[in-house]
């Protein structure tokens, strides 16, 4: 006669060993999944960079006038905008804003060019002049004695949203020179 008392011990050892095997299997199957998820996010970051809008301003010509010479514009701005990215870009509008340095609500917004598409590597030339009458009108409207100039472009990002980039045009500003004693 055989003694079958060791069978329950053998079965319990088998289940314990199976738990270790199951855990090892889950870990081994989980590693490729984690690698695939990391690879997806890495590719997504590269893809976002590759398809991002890359606009560049070339051949800028910025000329500022003097309040004493009313026939010369307060600001003359000419440049070319180029699409340096790999995908076409839809540009909604190009603007020249002038007014307060900090508060964008206290700026006059001058339209330069309307909706246009730029293919990769293509350039678009534009230009605008702001007269002294426009600057004086802005100063009266917002009660300023200085005027700062900004270039603004509104374009469609690859995700479909509309983005705006604003760039100050150097330290180009106009000042009203007051009569009287020098304060320095």
N, C-alpha and C. Protein backbone atom coordinates (compact mmCIF):
# COMPACT_ATOMS: atom_id res chain seq x y z
N UNK A 1 0.81 -1.18 0.00
CA UNK A 1 0.00 0.00 0.00
C UNK A 1 0.85 1.24 0.00
N UNK A 2 0.37 2.17 -0.75
CA UNK A 2 1.15 3.40 -0.82
C UNK A 2 0.57 4.44 0.10
N UNK A 3 1.43 5.28 0.53
CA UNK A 3 1.02 6.36 1.42
C UNK A 3 0.78 7.61 0.56
N UNK A 4 -0.46 8.08 0.56
CA UNK A 4 -0.82 9.26 -0.25
C UNK A 4 -0.86 10.55 0.57
N UNK A 5 -0.23 10.59 1.70
CA UNK A 5 -0.24 11.78 2.53
C UNK A 5 0.61 12.91 1.95
N UNK A 6 1.56 12.64 1.10
CA UNK A 6 2.43 13.67 0.52
C UNK A 6 1.77 14.38 -0.68
N UNK A 7 0.64 13.89 -1.18
CA UNK A 7 -0.02 14.49 -2.36
C UNK A 7 -0.50 15.93 -2.06
N UNK A 8 -1.15 16.22 -0.95
CA UNK A 8 -1.55 17.61 -0.70
C UNK A 8 -0.34 18.56 -0.63
N UNK A 9 0.76 18.10 -0.08
CA UNK A 9 1.96 18.95 -0.03
C UNK A 9 2.49 19.21 -1.43
N UNK A 10 2.48 18.18 -2.27
CA UNK A 10 2.96 18.32 -3.64
C UNK A 10 2.07 19.29 -4.42
N UNK A 11 0.76 19.19 -4.24
CA UNK A 11 -0.18 20.08 -4.93
C UNK A 11 0.02 21.51 -4.46
N UNK A 12 0.20 21.76 -3.17
CA UNK A 12 0.39 23.12 -2.68
C UNK A 12 1.71 23.71 -3.19
N UNK A 13 2.77 22.88 -3.29
CA UNK A 13 4.03 23.36 -3.85
C UNK A 13 3.86 23.71 -5.32
N UNK A 14 3.07 22.89 -6.02
CA UNK A 14 2.84 23.14 -7.44
C UNK A 14 2.12 24.47 -7.65
N UNK A 15 1.11 24.76 -6.80
CA UNK A 15 0.41 26.05 -6.92
C UNK A 15 1.32 27.23 -6.59
N UNK A 16 2.18 27.08 -5.62
CA UNK A 16 3.12 28.14 -5.27
C UNK A 16 4.07 28.39 -6.44
N UNK A 17 4.58 27.30 -7.02
CA UNK A 17 5.47 27.44 -8.16
C UNK A 17 4.72 28.05 -9.35
N UNK A 18 3.46 27.72 -9.53
CA UNK A 18 2.68 28.28 -10.63
C UNK A 18 2.47 29.78 -10.43
N UNK A 19 2.31 30.21 -9.18
CA UNK A 19 2.19 31.64 -8.92
C UNK A 19 3.46 32.37 -9.34
N UNK A 20 4.62 31.79 -9.05
CA UNK A 20 5.87 32.41 -9.47
C UNK A 20 5.99 32.45 -10.99
N UNK A 21 5.55 31.38 -11.63
CA UNK A 21 5.59 31.33 -13.09
C UNK A 21 4.64 32.36 -13.68
N UNK A 22 3.46 32.49 -13.10
CA UNK A 22 2.48 33.48 -13.59
C UNK A 22 3.01 34.90 -13.41
N UNK A 23 3.63 35.17 -12.29
CA UNK A 23 4.19 36.50 -12.05
C UNK A 23 5.32 36.78 -13.04
N UNK A 24 6.17 35.80 -13.25
CA UNK A 24 7.27 35.97 -14.20
C UNK A 24 6.73 36.18 -15.61
N UNK A 25 5.68 35.48 -15.99
CA UNK A 25 5.07 35.63 -17.32
C UNK A 25 4.48 37.02 -17.48
N UNK A 26 3.79 37.51 -16.47
CA UNK A 26 3.20 38.85 -16.54
C UNK A 26 4.30 39.91 -16.67
N UNK A 27 5.37 39.75 -15.94
CA UNK A 27 6.49 40.70 -16.04
C UNK A 27 7.10 40.67 -17.43
N UNK A 28 7.33 39.45 -17.94
CA UNK A 28 7.94 39.33 -19.26
C UNK A 28 7.02 39.87 -20.36
N UNK A 29 5.73 39.74 -20.21
CA UNK A 29 4.79 40.30 -21.19
C UNK A 29 4.62 41.81 -21.00
N UNK A 30 4.81 42.29 -19.80
CA UNK A 30 4.66 43.73 -19.52
C UNK A 30 5.81 44.57 -20.03
N UNK A 31 7.01 44.01 -20.09
CA UNK A 31 8.19 44.77 -20.55
C UNK A 31 8.01 45.28 -21.98
N UNK A 32 7.61 44.45 -22.95
CA UNK A 32 7.40 44.99 -24.30
C UNK A 32 6.29 46.06 -24.38
N UNK A 33 5.28 45.90 -23.55
CA UNK A 33 4.20 46.90 -23.54
C UNK A 33 4.74 48.23 -23.04
N UNK A 34 5.54 48.22 -22.01
CA UNK A 34 6.13 49.45 -21.47
C UNK A 34 7.07 50.07 -22.51
N UNK A 35 7.84 49.24 -23.21
CA UNK A 35 8.73 49.75 -24.26
C UNK A 35 7.93 50.39 -25.39
N UNK A 36 6.81 49.77 -25.78
CA UNK A 36 5.98 50.33 -26.84
C UNK A 36 5.36 51.67 -26.42
N UNK A 37 4.92 51.77 -25.19
CA UNK A 37 4.34 53.03 -24.70
C UNK A 37 5.40 54.12 -24.69
N UNK A 38 6.60 53.82 -24.20
CA UNK A 38 7.68 54.81 -24.19
C UNK A 38 8.06 55.21 -25.62
N UNK A 39 8.09 54.25 -26.51
CA UNK A 39 8.41 54.54 -27.91
C UNK A 39 7.34 55.44 -28.54
N UNK A 40 6.08 55.20 -28.23
CA UNK A 40 4.99 56.02 -28.75
C UNK A 40 5.16 57.48 -28.32
N UNK A 41 5.42 57.71 -27.04
CA UNK A 41 5.56 59.09 -26.56
C UNK A 41 6.81 59.75 -27.14
N UNK A 42 7.86 58.98 -27.33
CA UNK A 42 9.07 59.53 -27.94
C UNK A 42 8.80 59.94 -29.39
N UNK A 43 8.10 59.09 -30.13
CA UNK A 43 7.76 59.42 -31.52
C UNK A 43 6.81 60.60 -31.58
N UNK A 44 5.89 60.68 -30.64
CA UNK A 44 4.93 61.78 -30.63
C UNK A 44 5.65 63.12 -30.42
N UNK A 45 6.62 63.14 -29.53
CA UNK A 45 7.39 64.37 -29.30
C UNK A 45 8.15 64.75 -30.56
N UNK A 46 8.77 63.78 -31.22
CA UNK A 46 9.49 64.05 -32.46
C UNK A 46 8.53 64.53 -33.54
N UNK A 47 7.36 63.90 -33.62
CA UNK A 47 6.38 64.28 -34.63
C UNK A 47 5.85 65.69 -34.37
N UNK A 48 5.61 66.03 -33.11
CA UNK A 48 5.16 67.39 -32.79
C UNK A 48 6.21 68.41 -33.20
N UNK A 49 7.48 68.08 -32.99
CA UNK A 49 8.54 69.00 -33.40
C UNK A 49 8.64 69.07 -34.92
N UNK A 50 8.57 67.92 -35.57
CA UNK A 50 8.73 67.87 -37.03
C UNK A 50 7.62 68.64 -37.74
N UNK A 51 6.40 68.56 -37.23
CA UNK A 51 5.27 69.20 -37.89
C UNK A 51 4.97 70.60 -37.34
N UNK A 52 5.75 71.06 -36.38
CA UNK A 52 5.47 72.38 -35.80
C UNK A 52 5.75 73.48 -36.81
N UNK A 53 5.06 74.59 -36.62
CA UNK A 53 5.23 75.74 -37.51
C UNK A 53 6.56 76.41 -37.20
N UNK A 54 7.33 76.67 -38.24
CA UNK A 54 8.60 77.37 -38.09
C UNK A 54 8.63 78.53 -39.06
N UNK A 55 8.30 79.69 -38.55
CA UNK A 55 8.30 80.90 -39.37
C UNK A 55 9.54 81.72 -39.03
N UNK A 56 10.11 82.32 -40.04
CA UNK A 56 11.31 83.12 -39.84
C UNK A 56 11.16 84.43 -40.58
N UNK A 57 11.63 85.51 -39.95
CA UNK A 57 11.62 86.83 -40.57
C UNK A 57 13.00 87.08 -41.18
N UNK A 58 13.00 87.49 -42.46
CA UNK A 58 14.25 87.74 -43.19
C UNK A 58 14.25 89.16 -43.75
N UNK A 59 15.43 89.67 -44.00
CA UNK A 59 15.63 90.95 -44.69
C UNK A 59 14.79 92.09 -44.10
N UNK A 60 14.84 92.23 -42.78
CA UNK A 60 14.08 93.29 -42.12
C UNK A 60 14.68 94.66 -42.44
N UNK A 61 13.81 95.59 -42.74
CA UNK A 61 14.20 96.99 -42.91
C UNK A 61 13.27 97.81 -42.03
N UNK A 62 13.83 98.36 -40.99
CA UNK A 62 13.07 99.11 -39.99
C UNK A 62 13.62 100.52 -39.96
N UNK A 63 12.77 101.48 -40.30
CA UNK A 63 13.19 102.88 -40.34
C UNK A 63 12.24 103.70 -39.49
N UNK A 64 12.79 104.45 -38.55
CA UNK A 64 11.99 105.33 -37.71
C UNK A 64 12.19 106.78 -38.12
N UNK A 65 11.12 107.56 -38.05
CA UNK A 65 11.19 108.97 -38.42
C UNK A 65 11.31 109.87 -37.21
N UNK A 66 11.16 111.15 -37.45
CA UNK A 66 11.26 112.16 -36.40
C UNK A 66 9.97 112.98 -36.40
N UNK A 67 9.47 113.38 -35.23
CA UNK A 67 8.23 114.16 -35.18
C UNK A 67 8.35 115.51 -35.90
N UNK A 68 9.56 116.02 -36.03
CA UNK A 68 9.72 117.32 -36.69
C UNK A 68 9.62 117.19 -38.22
N UNK A 69 9.81 115.98 -38.74
CA UNK A 69 9.69 115.74 -40.18
C UNK A 69 8.39 114.98 -40.45
N UNK A 70 7.30 115.70 -40.60
CA UNK A 70 5.98 115.09 -40.72
C UNK A 70 5.80 114.31 -42.02
N UNK A 71 6.57 114.63 -43.08
CA UNK A 71 6.40 113.94 -44.35
C UNK A 71 7.09 112.58 -44.37
N UNK A 72 7.97 112.30 -43.39
CA UNK A 72 8.61 110.99 -43.26
C UNK A 72 7.80 110.18 -42.24
N UNK A 73 7.46 108.93 -42.56
CA UNK A 73 6.63 108.14 -41.63
C UNK A 73 7.30 107.93 -40.27
N UNK A 74 6.46 107.76 -39.25
CA UNK A 74 6.98 107.48 -37.91
C UNK A 74 7.71 106.15 -37.90
N UNK A 75 7.20 105.18 -38.68
CA UNK A 75 7.84 103.87 -38.78
C UNK A 75 7.57 103.30 -40.16
N UNK A 76 8.61 102.79 -40.76
CA UNK A 76 8.50 102.06 -42.02
C UNK A 76 9.11 100.69 -41.78
N UNK A 77 8.32 99.64 -42.01
CA UNK A 77 8.76 98.27 -41.72
C UNK A 77 8.53 97.41 -42.95
N UNK A 78 9.59 96.80 -43.44
CA UNK A 78 9.53 95.89 -44.57
C UNK A 78 10.33 94.65 -44.22
N UNK A 79 9.80 93.48 -44.60
CA UNK A 79 10.48 92.22 -44.31
C UNK A 79 9.90 91.11 -45.18
N UNK A 80 10.48 89.94 -45.04
CA UNK A 80 9.98 88.74 -45.69
C UNK A 80 9.74 87.71 -44.59
N UNK A 81 8.65 86.97 -44.71
CA UNK A 81 8.37 85.89 -43.77
C UNK A 81 8.52 84.58 -44.55
N UNK A 82 9.24 83.63 -43.94
CA UNK A 82 9.54 82.36 -44.62
C UNK A 82 9.07 81.19 -43.77
N UNK A 83 8.52 80.17 -44.44
CA UNK A 83 8.16 78.93 -43.78
C UNK A 83 9.37 78.00 -43.81
N UNK A 84 9.99 77.79 -42.66
CA UNK A 84 11.17 76.93 -42.57
C UNK A 84 10.79 75.51 -42.13
N UNK A 85 9.51 75.24 -41.95
CA UNK A 85 9.06 73.92 -41.53
C UNK A 85 8.90 72.97 -42.70
N UNK A 86 8.43 71.77 -42.40
CA UNK A 86 8.26 70.75 -43.42
C UNK A 86 6.83 70.65 -43.94
N UNK A 87 5.92 71.37 -43.36
CA UNK A 87 4.52 71.35 -43.77
C UNK A 87 4.05 72.76 -44.14
N UNK A 88 3.06 72.88 -45.02
CA UNK A 88 2.51 74.20 -45.34
C UNK A 88 1.85 74.82 -44.10
N UNK A 89 1.86 76.14 -44.04
CA UNK A 89 1.27 76.86 -42.91
C UNK A 89 0.21 77.83 -43.44
N UNK A 90 -0.92 77.83 -42.76
CA UNK A 90 -1.96 78.81 -43.07
C UNK A 90 -1.79 79.97 -42.09
N UNK A 91 -1.48 81.13 -42.65
CA UNK A 91 -1.34 82.34 -41.83
C UNK A 91 -2.64 83.12 -41.93
N UNK A 92 -3.24 83.40 -40.79
CA UNK A 92 -4.49 84.17 -40.77
C UNK A 92 -4.24 85.63 -41.08
N UNK A 93 -3.26 86.22 -40.41
CA UNK A 93 -3.06 87.64 -40.58
C UNK A 93 -1.69 88.07 -40.06
N UNK A 94 -1.15 89.11 -40.68
CA UNK A 94 0.06 89.78 -40.20
C UNK A 94 -0.36 91.16 -39.73
N UNK A 95 0.12 91.57 -38.54
CA UNK A 95 -0.26 92.85 -37.96
C UNK A 95 0.98 93.63 -37.55
N UNK A 96 0.81 94.93 -37.49
CA UNK A 96 1.77 95.80 -36.83
C UNK A 96 0.99 96.52 -35.74
N UNK A 97 1.30 96.23 -34.50
CA UNK A 97 0.64 96.86 -33.36
C UNK A 97 1.54 97.98 -32.85
N UNK A 98 0.93 99.05 -32.40
CA UNK A 98 1.70 100.14 -31.82
C UNK A 98 0.92 100.76 -30.69
N UNK A 99 1.67 101.10 -29.63
CA UNK A 99 1.04 101.65 -28.43
C UNK A 99 1.85 101.32 -27.20
N UNK A 100 1.15 100.89 -26.14
CA UNK A 100 1.78 100.62 -24.85
C UNK A 100 2.73 99.44 -24.92
N UNK A 101 3.79 99.52 -24.14
CA UNK A 101 4.80 98.46 -24.15
C UNK A 101 4.29 97.19 -23.49
N UNK A 102 3.46 97.31 -22.45
CA UNK A 102 3.05 96.15 -21.67
C UNK A 102 1.61 95.72 -21.96
N UNK A 103 0.69 96.65 -21.94
CA UNK A 103 -0.74 96.33 -22.07
C UNK A 103 -1.14 96.26 -23.54
N UNK A 104 -1.42 95.05 -24.03
CA UNK A 104 -1.78 94.88 -25.45
C UNK A 104 -3.16 95.46 -25.76
N UNK A 105 -4.00 95.70 -24.76
CA UNK A 105 -5.30 96.32 -25.00
C UNK A 105 -5.19 97.82 -25.31
N UNK A 106 -4.04 98.38 -25.00
CA UNK A 106 -3.80 99.79 -25.27
C UNK A 106 -2.88 99.96 -26.46
N UNK A 107 -3.17 99.19 -27.49
CA UNK A 107 -2.40 99.27 -28.74
C UNK A 107 -3.36 99.38 -29.91
N UNK A 108 -2.93 100.12 -30.91
CA UNK A 108 -3.64 100.17 -32.18
C UNK A 108 -3.14 98.98 -32.99
N UNK A 109 -4.05 98.32 -33.68
CA UNK A 109 -3.69 97.14 -34.45
C UNK A 109 -3.86 97.43 -35.93
N UNK A 110 -2.76 97.43 -36.65
CA UNK A 110 -2.77 97.74 -38.08
C UNK A 110 -2.59 96.46 -38.86
N UNK A 111 -3.51 96.19 -39.75
CA UNK A 111 -3.49 95.00 -40.59
C UNK A 111 -2.45 95.17 -41.70
N UNK A 112 -1.55 94.19 -41.87
CA UNK A 112 -0.55 94.24 -42.93
C UNK A 112 -1.00 93.38 -44.12
N UNK A 113 -1.22 92.11 -43.87
CA UNK A 113 -1.64 91.16 -44.91
C UNK A 113 -2.67 90.22 -44.33
N UNK A 114 -3.56 89.73 -45.21
CA UNK A 114 -4.62 88.82 -44.80
C UNK A 114 -4.22 87.37 -44.90
N UNK A 115 -5.22 86.53 -45.05
CA UNK A 115 -5.01 85.09 -45.06
C UNK A 115 -4.12 84.68 -46.23
N UNK A 116 -3.12 83.84 -45.92
CA UNK A 116 -2.24 83.33 -46.96
C UNK A 116 -1.68 81.99 -46.53
N UNK A 117 -1.25 81.22 -47.51
CA UNK A 117 -0.64 79.92 -47.26
C UNK A 117 0.82 79.99 -47.68
N UNK A 118 1.69 79.44 -46.85
CA UNK A 118 3.11 79.38 -47.17
C UNK A 118 3.53 77.91 -47.25
N UNK A 119 3.97 77.51 -48.42
CA UNK A 119 4.52 76.16 -48.59
C UNK A 119 5.90 76.10 -47.95
N UNK A 120 6.40 74.91 -47.70
CA UNK A 120 7.75 74.81 -47.12
C UNK A 120 8.79 75.49 -48.00
N UNK A 121 9.59 76.35 -47.39
CA UNK A 121 10.65 77.06 -48.10
C UNK A 121 10.19 78.30 -48.85
N UNK A 122 8.92 78.60 -48.85
CA UNK A 122 8.40 79.77 -49.57
C UNK A 122 8.49 81.01 -48.70
N UNK A 123 8.61 82.17 -49.37
CA UNK A 123 8.71 83.46 -48.70
C UNK A 123 7.57 84.36 -49.16
N UNK A 124 7.20 85.27 -48.26
CA UNK A 124 6.19 86.28 -48.59
C UNK A 124 6.73 87.64 -48.13
N UNK A 125 6.76 88.58 -49.04
CA UNK A 125 7.28 89.91 -48.72
C UNK A 125 6.11 90.82 -48.32
N UNK A 126 6.35 91.66 -47.31
CA UNK A 126 5.32 92.59 -46.86
C UNK A 126 5.97 93.89 -46.41
N UNK A 127 5.18 94.92 -46.29
CA UNK A 127 5.66 96.22 -45.83
C UNK A 127 4.51 97.08 -45.35
N UNK A 128 4.81 98.00 -44.45
CA UNK A 128 3.80 98.91 -43.90
C UNK A 128 4.49 100.18 -43.41
N UNK A 129 3.74 101.25 -43.42
CA UNK A 129 4.22 102.52 -42.88
C UNK A 129 3.18 103.06 -41.93
N UNK A 130 3.65 103.58 -40.81
CA UNK A 130 2.78 104.23 -39.82
C UNK A 130 3.11 105.72 -39.86
N UNK A 131 2.10 106.52 -40.10
CA UNK A 131 2.33 107.97 -40.21
C UNK A 131 2.31 108.62 -38.82
N UNK A 132 2.78 109.85 -38.79
CA UNK A 132 2.78 110.59 -37.52
C UNK A 132 1.36 110.92 -37.08
N UNK A 133 0.47 111.08 -38.03
CA UNK A 133 -0.94 111.32 -37.67
C UNK A 133 -1.52 110.10 -36.94
N UNK A 134 -1.16 108.90 -37.38
CA UNK A 134 -1.62 107.68 -36.70
C UNK A 134 -1.07 107.59 -35.29
N UNK A 135 0.20 107.94 -35.11
CA UNK A 135 0.82 107.90 -33.80
C UNK A 135 0.16 108.93 -32.87
N UNK A 136 -0.08 110.14 -33.39
CA UNK A 136 -0.73 111.18 -32.58
C UNK A 136 -2.14 110.76 -32.19
N UNK A 137 -2.85 110.13 -33.09
CA UNK A 137 -4.21 109.64 -32.80
C UNK A 137 -4.16 108.60 -31.68
N UNK A 138 -3.20 107.69 -31.73
CA UNK A 138 -3.05 106.67 -30.70
C UNK A 138 -2.71 107.31 -29.36
N UNK A 139 -1.83 108.30 -29.37
CA UNK A 139 -1.43 108.97 -28.13
C UNK A 139 -2.61 109.68 -27.48
N UNK A 140 -3.44 110.31 -28.30
CA UNK A 140 -4.62 110.99 -27.75
C UNK A 140 -5.64 109.98 -27.23
N UNK A 141 -5.82 108.90 -27.96
CA UNK A 141 -6.81 107.89 -27.57
C UNK A 141 -6.47 107.24 -26.23
N UNK A 142 -5.17 106.90 -26.04
CA UNK A 142 -4.76 106.19 -24.82
C UNK A 142 -4.03 107.08 -23.82
N UNK A 143 -3.87 108.36 -24.13
CA UNK A 143 -3.21 109.31 -23.24
C UNK A 143 -1.78 108.88 -22.90
N UNK A 144 -0.99 108.63 -23.95
CA UNK A 144 0.42 108.25 -23.81
C UNK A 144 1.30 109.34 -24.35
N UNK A 145 2.58 109.25 -23.98
CA UNK A 145 3.56 110.11 -24.62
C UNK A 145 4.66 109.29 -25.29
N UNK A 146 4.52 107.96 -25.31
CA UNK A 146 5.45 107.09 -26.01
C UNK A 146 4.67 106.09 -26.86
N UNK A 147 5.34 105.55 -27.85
CA UNK A 147 4.70 104.59 -28.74
C UNK A 147 5.70 103.48 -29.06
N UNK A 148 5.34 102.25 -28.72
CA UNK A 148 6.18 101.09 -29.01
C UNK A 148 5.55 100.30 -30.14
N UNK A 149 6.39 99.66 -30.95
CA UNK A 149 5.92 98.94 -32.13
C UNK A 149 6.17 97.44 -31.98
N UNK A 150 5.19 96.65 -32.46
CA UNK A 150 5.25 95.19 -32.34
C UNK A 150 4.78 94.56 -33.65
N UNK A 151 5.43 93.48 -34.04
CA UNK A 151 5.00 92.68 -35.18
C UNK A 151 4.28 91.46 -34.63
N UNK A 152 3.10 91.17 -35.18
CA UNK A 152 2.29 90.04 -34.68
C UNK A 152 1.84 89.20 -35.86
N UNK A 153 1.93 87.88 -35.72
CA UNK A 153 1.47 86.96 -36.75
C UNK A 153 0.53 85.95 -36.10
N UNK A 154 -0.62 85.72 -36.75
CA UNK A 154 -1.59 84.72 -36.30
C UNK A 154 -1.62 83.61 -37.35
N UNK A 155 -1.41 82.37 -36.90
CA UNK A 155 -1.33 81.24 -37.83
C UNK A 155 -2.00 80.01 -37.22
N UNK A 156 -2.26 79.03 -38.07
CA UNK A 156 -2.87 77.77 -37.63
C UNK A 156 -1.77 76.76 -37.31
N UNK A 157 -1.81 76.22 -36.11
CA UNK A 157 -0.87 75.18 -35.69
C UNK A 157 -1.33 73.84 -36.27
N UNK A 158 -0.45 72.84 -36.31
CA UNK A 158 -0.85 71.53 -36.85
C UNK A 158 -2.01 70.88 -36.13
N UNK A 159 -2.20 71.21 -34.85
CA UNK A 159 -3.33 70.63 -34.11
C UNK A 159 -4.64 71.35 -34.39
N UNK A 160 -4.62 72.38 -35.24
CA UNK A 160 -5.84 73.09 -35.63
C UNK A 160 -6.09 74.37 -34.86
N UNK A 161 -5.37 74.58 -33.78
CA UNK A 161 -5.58 75.79 -32.99
C UNK A 161 -4.91 76.99 -33.66
N UNK A 162 -5.39 78.18 -33.33
CA UNK A 162 -4.80 79.40 -33.87
C UNK A 162 -3.81 79.94 -32.84
N UNK A 163 -2.58 80.14 -33.26
CA UNK A 163 -1.52 80.64 -32.39
C UNK A 163 -1.15 82.05 -32.82
N UNK A 164 -0.65 82.83 -31.88
CA UNK A 164 -0.16 84.17 -32.17
C UNK A 164 1.24 84.33 -31.61
N UNK A 165 2.10 84.90 -32.41
CA UNK A 165 3.43 85.27 -31.94
C UNK A 165 3.58 86.77 -32.06
N UNK A 166 4.06 87.38 -30.99
CA UNK A 166 4.26 88.83 -30.96
C UNK A 166 5.73 89.09 -30.71
N UNK A 167 6.27 90.01 -31.46
CA UNK A 167 7.68 90.32 -31.35
C UNK A 167 7.86 91.83 -31.36
N UNK A 168 8.61 92.32 -30.40
CA UNK A 168 8.90 93.75 -30.33
C UNK A 168 9.85 94.12 -31.45
N UNK A 169 9.60 95.27 -32.05
CA UNK A 169 10.49 95.74 -33.12
C UNK A 169 11.59 96.59 -32.50
N UNK A 170 12.52 95.91 -31.85
CA UNK A 170 13.66 96.58 -31.23
C UNK A 170 13.20 97.53 -30.14
N UNK A 171 13.92 98.62 -30.00
CA UNK A 171 13.56 99.65 -29.04
C UNK A 171 13.03 100.85 -29.81
N UNK A 172 12.33 100.57 -30.89
CA UNK A 172 11.80 101.65 -31.72
C UNK A 172 10.59 102.25 -31.01
N UNK A 173 10.71 103.47 -30.62
CA UNK A 173 9.61 104.17 -29.96
C UNK A 173 9.70 105.64 -30.30
N UNK A 174 8.61 106.31 -30.13
CA UNK A 174 8.59 107.75 -30.37
C UNK A 174 8.39 108.44 -29.03
N UNK A 175 8.92 109.62 -28.89
CA UNK A 175 8.79 110.38 -27.66
C UNK A 175 8.37 111.80 -28.02
N UNK A 176 7.57 112.36 -27.16
CA UNK A 176 7.27 113.78 -27.28
C UNK A 176 8.32 114.51 -26.47
N UNK A 177 9.07 115.36 -27.13
CA UNK A 177 10.12 116.11 -26.44
C UNK A 177 9.47 117.36 -25.84
N UNK A 178 9.62 117.49 -24.55
CA UNK A 178 8.98 118.60 -23.87
C UNK A 178 9.88 119.83 -23.90
N UNK A 179 9.23 120.99 -23.97
CA UNK A 179 9.98 122.23 -23.91
C UNK A 179 10.27 122.56 -22.44
N UNK A 180 11.34 123.28 -22.23
CA UNK A 180 11.65 123.69 -20.87
C UNK A 180 13.06 123.29 -20.49
N UNK A 181 13.33 123.41 -19.20
CA UNK A 181 14.67 123.13 -18.70
C UNK A 181 14.99 121.63 -18.81
N UNK A 182 16.26 121.38 -18.96
CA UNK A 182 16.73 119.99 -19.02
C UNK A 182 16.72 119.40 -17.62
N UNK A 183 16.27 118.18 -17.46
CA UNK A 183 16.16 117.56 -16.15
C UNK A 183 17.38 116.74 -15.79
N UNK A 184 18.35 116.63 -16.71
CA UNK A 184 19.51 115.77 -16.41
C UNK A 184 20.67 116.60 -15.88
